[in-house]
C-alpha atoms as a PDB file:
ATOM      1  CA  MET A   1     -10.617 151.241  61.201  1.00  0.00           C
ATOM      2  CA  ILE A   2      -7.151 150.139  62.309  1.00  0.00           C
ATOM      3  CA  GLN A   3      -4.231 152.510  61.750  1.00  0.00           C
ATOM      4  CA  ILE A   4      -0.608 151.376  62.157  1.00  0.00           C
ATOM      5  CA  GLU A   5       2.082 153.928  61.445  1.00  0.00           C
ATOM      6  CA  ASN A   6       5.852 153.831  61.855  1.00  0.00           C
ATOM      7  CA  ILE A   7       7.018 157.049  63.479  1.00  0.00           C
ATOM      8  CA  SER A   8      10.365 158.496  64.493  1.00  0.00           C
ATOM      9  CA  VAL A   9      10.730 160.545  67.669  1.00  0.00           C
ATOM     10  CA  GLU A  10      14.168 161.964  68.410  1.00  0.00           C
ATOM     11  CA  GLY A  11      15.703 159.278  66.190  1.00  0.00           C
ATOM     12  CA  LYS A  12      13.802 156.481  67.952  1.00  0.00           C
ATOM     13  CA  GLU A  13      11.714 154.228  65.697  1.00  0.00           C
ATOM     14  CA  LEU A  14       8.265 153.464  67.157  1.00  0.00           C
ATOM     15  CA  GLN A  15       4.913 152.157  66.004  1.00  0.00           C
ATOM     16  CA  TYR A  16       1.733 154.130  66.543  1.00  0.00           C
ATOM     17  CA  ILE A  17      -1.404 151.995  66.647  1.00  0.00           C
ATOM     18  CA  ARG A  18      -4.969 153.334  66.707  1.00  0.00           C
ATOM     19  CA  ILE A  19      -8.111 151.232  66.611  1.00  0.00           C
ATOM     20  CA  ASP A  20     -11.496 152.897  66.347  1.00  0.00           C
ATOM     21  CA  MET A  21     -13.765 151.520  69.051  1.00  0.00           C
ATOM     22  CA  TRP A  22     -17.309 152.591  69.965  1.00  0.00           C
ATOM     23  CA  GLY A  23     -16.805 155.080  72.818  1.00  0.00           C
ATOM     24  CA  ALA A  24     -13.197 156.135  72.294  1.00  0.00           C
ATOM     25  CA  PRO A  25     -10.254 154.909  70.237  1.00  0.00           C
ATOM     26  CA  LEU A  26      -7.716 152.408  71.549  1.00  0.00           C
ATOM     27  CA  VAL A  27      -4.299 154.002  71.055  1.00  0.00           C
ATOM     28  CA  MET A  28      -0.802 152.732  71.699  1.00  0.00           C
ATOM     29  CA  ILE A  29       2.822 153.577  70.964  1.00  0.00           C
ATOM     30  CA  LYS A  30       5.126 150.549  70.809  1.00  0.00           C
ATOM     31  CA  GLY A  31       8.904 150.650  71.059  1.00  0.00           C
ATOM     32  CA  LYS A  32      11.512 147.879  71.081  1.00  0.00           C
ATOM     33  CA  LYS A  33      11.434 147.480  74.884  1.00  0.00           C
ATOM     34  CA  GLY A  34       8.050 148.808  75.980  1.00  0.00           C
ATOM     35  CA  TYR A  35       4.868 150.650  75.148  1.00  0.00           C
ATOM     36  CA  VAL A  36       2.499 153.462  76.020  1.00  0.00           C
ATOM     37  CA  MET A  37      -1.094 152.294  76.311  1.00  0.00           C
ATOM     38  CA  CYS A  38      -4.410 154.033  76.732  1.00  0.00           C
ATOM     39  CA  GLY A  39      -6.894 153.330  79.500  1.00  0.00           C
ATOM     40  CA  TYR A  40      -8.387 150.359  77.609  1.00  0.00           C
ATOM     41  CA  LEU A  41      -5.388 148.209  78.515  1.00  0.00           C
ATOM     42  CA  ASN A  42      -4.648 146.681  81.909  1.00  0.00           C
ATOM     43  CA  MET A  43      -1.606 147.558  84.047  1.00  0.00           C
ATOM     44  CA  GLN A  44      -2.071 144.524  86.303  1.00  0.00           C
ATOM     45  CA  THR A  45      -1.578 142.258  83.314  1.00  0.00           C
ATOM     46  CA  ALA A  46       1.448 144.250  82.136  1.00  0.00           C
ATOM     47  CA  ASN A  47       3.018 143.794  85.592  1.00  0.00           C
ATOM     48  CA  LYS A  48       2.118 140.120  85.715  1.00  0.00           C
ATOM     49  CA  ILE A  49       3.951 139.387  82.463  1.00  0.00           C
ATOM     50  CA  GLY A  50       6.834 141.795  83.131  1.00  0.00           C
ATOM     51  CA  ASP A  51       6.146 144.340  80.370  1.00  0.00           C
ATOM     52  CA  MET A  52       7.596 147.844  80.403  1.00  0.00           C
ATOM     53  CA  ALA A  53       4.286 149.675  80.118  1.00  0.00           C
ATOM     54  CA  VAL A  54       3.053 153.213  80.617  1.00  0.00           C
ATOM     55  CA  ARG A  55      -0.661 154.080  80.830  1.00  0.00           C
ATOM     56  CA  VAL A  56      -2.136 157.409  79.790  1.00  0.00           C
ATOM     57  CA  THR A  57      -5.759 158.541  79.815  1.00  0.00           C
ATOM     58  CA  GLY A  58      -7.901 160.951  77.820  1.00  0.00           C
ATOM     59  CA  VAL A  59      -5.997 160.386  74.576  1.00  0.00           C
ATOM     60  CA  ARG A  60      -7.473 160.124  71.090  1.00  0.00           C
ATOM     61  CA  ASP A  61      -4.548 160.362  68.655  1.00  0.00           C
ATOM     62  CA  LEU A  62      -0.764 160.551  68.344  1.00  0.00           C
ATOM     63  CA  GLU A  63      -0.604 164.228  69.313  1.00  0.00           C
ATOM     64  CA  THR A  64      -2.566 163.765  72.535  1.00  0.00           C
ATOM     65  CA  VAL A  65      -0.580 160.647  73.482  1.00  0.00           C
ATOM     66  CA  MET A  66       2.746 162.435  73.044  1.00  0.00           C
ATOM     67  CA  SER A  67       1.642 165.389  75.184  1.00  0.00           C
ATOM     68  CA  ALA A  68      -0.063 163.251  77.838  1.00  0.00           C
ATOM     69  CA  LYS A  69       1.337 162.713  81.306  1.00  0.00           C
ATOM     70  CA  VAL A  70       1.983 159.203  82.600  1.00  0.00           C
ATOM     71  CA  ALA A  71      -0.963 158.179  84.791  1.00  0.00           C
ATOM     72  CA  GLU A  72       0.512 154.840  85.828  1.00  0.00           C
ATOM     73  CA  CYS A  73       3.527 152.737  84.953  1.00  0.00           C
ATOM     74  CA  SER A  74       4.561 149.136  85.367  1.00  0.00           C
ATOM     75  CA  GLU A  75       7.278 147.976  87.733  1.00  0.00           C
ATOM     76  CA  ALA A  76       9.590 147.434  84.741  1.00  0.00           C
ATOM     77  CA  ALA A  77       8.954 151.010  83.556  1.00  0.00           C
ATOM     78  CA  GLU A  78       9.716 152.356  87.040  1.00  0.00           C
ATOM     79  CA  LYS A  79      13.022 150.438  87.038  1.00  0.00           C
ATOM     80  CA  ALA A  80      13.839 152.147  83.722  1.00  0.00           C
ATOM     81  CA  GLY A  81      13.319 155.549  85.380  1.00  0.00           C
ATOM     82  CA  ILE A  82       9.752 156.360  84.319  1.00  0.00           C
ATOM     83  CA  LYS A  83       7.334 157.728  86.900  1.00  0.00           C
ATOM     84  CA  PRO A  84       3.755 159.002  87.013  1.00  0.00           C
ATOM     85  CA  GLY A  85       3.560 162.633  85.917  1.00  0.00           C
ATOM     86  CA  ASP A  86       6.321 162.320  83.289  1.00  0.00           C
ATOM     87  CA  GLU A  87       5.317 163.630  79.867  1.00  0.00           C
ATOM     88  CA  VAL A  88       5.237 160.865  77.268  1.00  0.00           C
ATOM     89  CA  SER A  89       7.368 162.878  74.828  1.00  0.00           C
ATOM     90  CA  SER A  90      10.162 162.872  77.417  1.00  0.00           C
ATOM     91  CA  ILE A  91      10.151 159.108  78.041  1.00  0.00           C
ATOM     92  CA  VAL A  92       9.668 157.561  74.580  1.00  0.00           C
ATOM     93  CA  SER A  93      13.433 157.226  74.172  1.00  0.00           C
ATOM     94  CA  LEU A  94      13.324 154.633  76.983  1.00  0.00           C
ATOM     95  CA  LEU A  95      10.843 152.477  75.102  1.00  0.00           C
END
């Protein structure tokens, strides 16, 4: 199943995407400038193409993504002020 949902966090419009896979779901939150991705997606590629990307691990749904801590972020995300250890709920306004 593929779930795409428009959400609003602190007045910021985002898209929540969840795709059921075999071992764990692929989850993502997409903003106008960047995105939060789960461990399925590749940070090296995000850096190579210049995306503002944040990677989190151990997430299964919107609630766990929002409360997760940034495990890794792209160079573009670091330039925007995001760093590993930040809670996703505190950085979504930058996306």
